[in-house]
Protein backbone atom coordinates (compact mmCIF):
# COMPACT_ATOMS: atom_id res chain seq x y z
CA UNK A 1 -0.21 -0.28 0.15
CA UNK A 2 3.26 2.22 0.63
CA UNK A 3 3.44 2.04 -3.43
CA UNK A 4 -0.25 3.81 -3.75
CA UNK A 5 -0.03 5.84 -1.23
CA UNK A 6 2.29 7.58 -2.33
CA UNK A 7 1.65 8.01 -5.68
CA UNK A 8 -1.47 9.56 -4.63
CA UNK A 9 0.44 11.77 -2.22
CA UNK A 10 2.87 12.72 -5.46
CA UNK A 11 -0.32 13.12 -8.02
CA UNK A 12 -1.66 15.43 -5.62
CA UNK A 13 0.69 17.48 -5.12
CA UNK A 14 1.55 18.00 -8.50
CA UNK A 15 -2.35 18.47 -9.70
CA UNK A 16 -2.07 20.85 -7.04
CA UNK A 17 1.08 23.23 -6.99
CA UNK A 18 2.83 22.22 -10.76
CA UNK A 19 0.19 21.66 -12.57
CA UNK A 20 -2.71 24.11 -10.58
CA UNK A 21 -5.10 21.62 -11.67
CA UNK A 22 -7.37 22.27 -8.34
CA UNK A 23 -10.64 20.01 -10.53
CA UNK A 24 -7.89 17.13 -10.52
CA UNK A 25 -7.13 18.27 -7.02
CA UNK A 26 -10.04 18.18 -5.21
CA UNK A 27 -10.49 13.93 -7.01
CA UNK A 28 -7.98 12.78 -5.01
CA UNK A 29 -9.90 13.95 -2.03
CA UNK A 30 -12.63 13.10 0.87
CA UNK A 31 -14.98 14.93 0.03
CA UNK A 32 -15.40 15.26 3.88
CA UNK A 33 -11.31 15.89 4.03
CA UNK A 34 -9.99 17.25 7.19
CA UNK A 35 -6.43 19.27 6.59
CA UNK A 36 -5.29 20.54 9.62
CA UNK A 37 -2.42 23.17 8.72
CA UNK A 38 -2.68 25.23 12.28
CA UNK A 39 0.61 25.08 12.80
CA UNK A 40 1.40 26.34 9.38
CA UNK A 41 3.93 29.23 10.42
CA UNK A 42 2.26 31.10 6.94
CA UNK A 43 -1.19 33.87 7.51
CA UNK A 44 -3.54 31.10 5.69
CA UNK A 45 -2.91 28.10 8.20
CA UNK A 46 -6.05 26.64 9.52
CA UNK A 47 -8.37 24.48 9.20
CA UNK A 48 -9.31 22.68 6.27
CA UNK A 49 -12.26 21.50 5.87
CA UNK A 50 -13.21 19.22 2.61
CA UNK A 51 -13.76 20.39 -0.92
CA UNK A 52 -14.79 24.00 -0.26
CA UNK A 53 -11.88 24.26 2.64
CA UNK A 54 -9.90 23.33 -0.23
CA UNK A 55 -11.20 25.34 -2.83
CA UNK A 56 -10.72 28.73 -0.79
CA UNK A 57 -7.48 26.99 1.01
CA UNK A 58 -6.02 27.11 -3.14
CA UNK A 59 -6.36 30.60 -3.32
CA UNK A 60 -4.89 31.66 -0.74
CA UNK A 61 -1.58 30.02 -2.14
CA UNK A 62 -2.91 31.40 -5.84
CA UNK A 63 -3.20 34.58 -4.45
CA UNK A 64 0.15 34.71 -2.43
CA UNK A 65 2.40 32.81 -5.11
CA UNK A 66 4.09 32.95 -8.74
CA UNK A 67 5.31 29.64 -7.26
CA UNK A 68 4.95 27.39 -4.90
CA UNK A 69 6.47 23.79 -5.36
CA UNK A 70 6.54 21.92 -2.07
CA UNK A 71 9.26 18.40 -2.44
CA UNK A 72 9.42 15.16 -1.06
CA UNK A 73 12.43 14.66 0.73
CA UNK A 74 11.07 11.87 2.55
CA UNK A 75 8.32 9.59 3.46
CA UNK A 76 7.78 7.41 5.93
CA UNK A 77 4.98 4.54 6.29
CA UNK A 78 3.62 4.22 9.15
CA UNK A 79 0.27 2.69 9.27
CA UNK A 80 -2.18 1.02 6.77
CA UNK A 81 -3.88 4.52 6.11
CA UNK A 82 -1.16 7.28 6.89
CA UNK A 83 2.44 7.87 6.22
CA UNK A 84 4.42 10.85 6.62
CA UNK A 85 6.30 12.88 4.31
CA UNK A 86 9.31 15.87 4.96
CA UNK A 87 8.73 17.75 2.53
CA UNK A 88 11.05 21.38 1.41
CA UNK A 89 8.72 24.27 -0.52
CA UNK A 90 10.37 26.69 -3.07
CA UNK A 91 8.43 28.90 -4.19
CA UNK A 92 8.23 32.71 -5.01
CA UNK A 93 5.94 35.75 -3.95
CA UNK A 94 3.81 36.70 -6.32
CA UNK A 95 4.22 40.20 -6.68
CA UNK A 96 7.26 40.83 -4.58
CA UNK A 97 9.42 37.86 -6.67
CA UNK A 98 11.52 37.31 -2.79
CA UNK A 99 12.02 33.31 -2.56
CA UNK A 100 11.56 31.68 0.15
CA UNK A 101 12.51 28.22 0.48
CA UNK A 102 11.11 25.93 3.90
CA UNK A 103 10.72 22.64 5.65
CA UNK A 104 8.21 20.38 7.46
CA UNK A 105 6.45 17.74 7.38
CA UNK A 106 3.14 15.88 7.82
CA UNK A 107 1.41 13.35 8.33
CA UNK A 108 -1.53 12.09 5.46
CA UNK A 109 -4.82 9.50 5.88
CA UNK A 110 -5.48 7.87 3.14
CA UNK A 111 -8.15 5.07 2.52
CA UNK A 112 -10.69 4.03 -0.43
CA UNK A 113 -7.72 5.84 -2.74
CA UNK A 114 -8.85 9.63 -1.66
CA UNK A 115 -7.23 12.09 1.33
CA UNK A 116 -8.84 11.35 4.70
CA UNK A 117 -7.30 14.51 6.36
CA UNK A 118 -3.69 16.29 6.90
CA UNK A 119 -1.60 17.28 9.90
CA UNK A 120 1.01 19.78 8.55
CA UNK A 121 3.96 20.40 11.23
CA UNK A 122 7.24 22.55 11.41
CA UNK A 123 9.72 19.32 11.35
CA UNK A 124 9.98 15.57 11.14
CA UNK A 125 10.50 15.53 14.45
CA UNK A 126 7.13 16.79 16.17
CA UNK A 127 5.55 14.29 13.49
CA UNK A 128 6.75 11.85 13.93
CA UNK A 129 5.71 12.82 18.54
CA UNK A 130 2.52 12.94 17.55
CA UNK A 131 2.25 9.52 15.54
CA UNK A 132 4.39 8.56 18.73
CA UNK A 133 6.13 6.77 16.93
CA UNK A 134 10.49 7.29 17.36
CA UNK A 135 12.33 8.38 14.98
CA UNK A 136 14.14 5.81 12.42
CA UNK A 137 17.72 3.98 12.07
């Protein structure tokens, strides 16, 4: 299942941030999904609920960034429906052209081929602690 979960999340990432194709992204997300970005340091954090919430969240990013692309640096399978992804985001502000780079981690739950939840963390260590999992050696 790991390969299928990773492929789904790569498709979602590409649809949103490379292709900016919200329709394709929504096909990969459960209509009742709960995406928790409340630990984000950006002003557009918070919880994103369902397709309507994802539409609003996506538009905020499009309005603020000319480029925004999270790259998967590490993928850790932590259960049949759960995966932890460590990312590096490279972005460029709209209007300002200022480049930004940041790292973080997120825990994703996938069920029946769709994302049902996600939670953003500032670090891999925080995400592992939330899962009650030790750093793999």
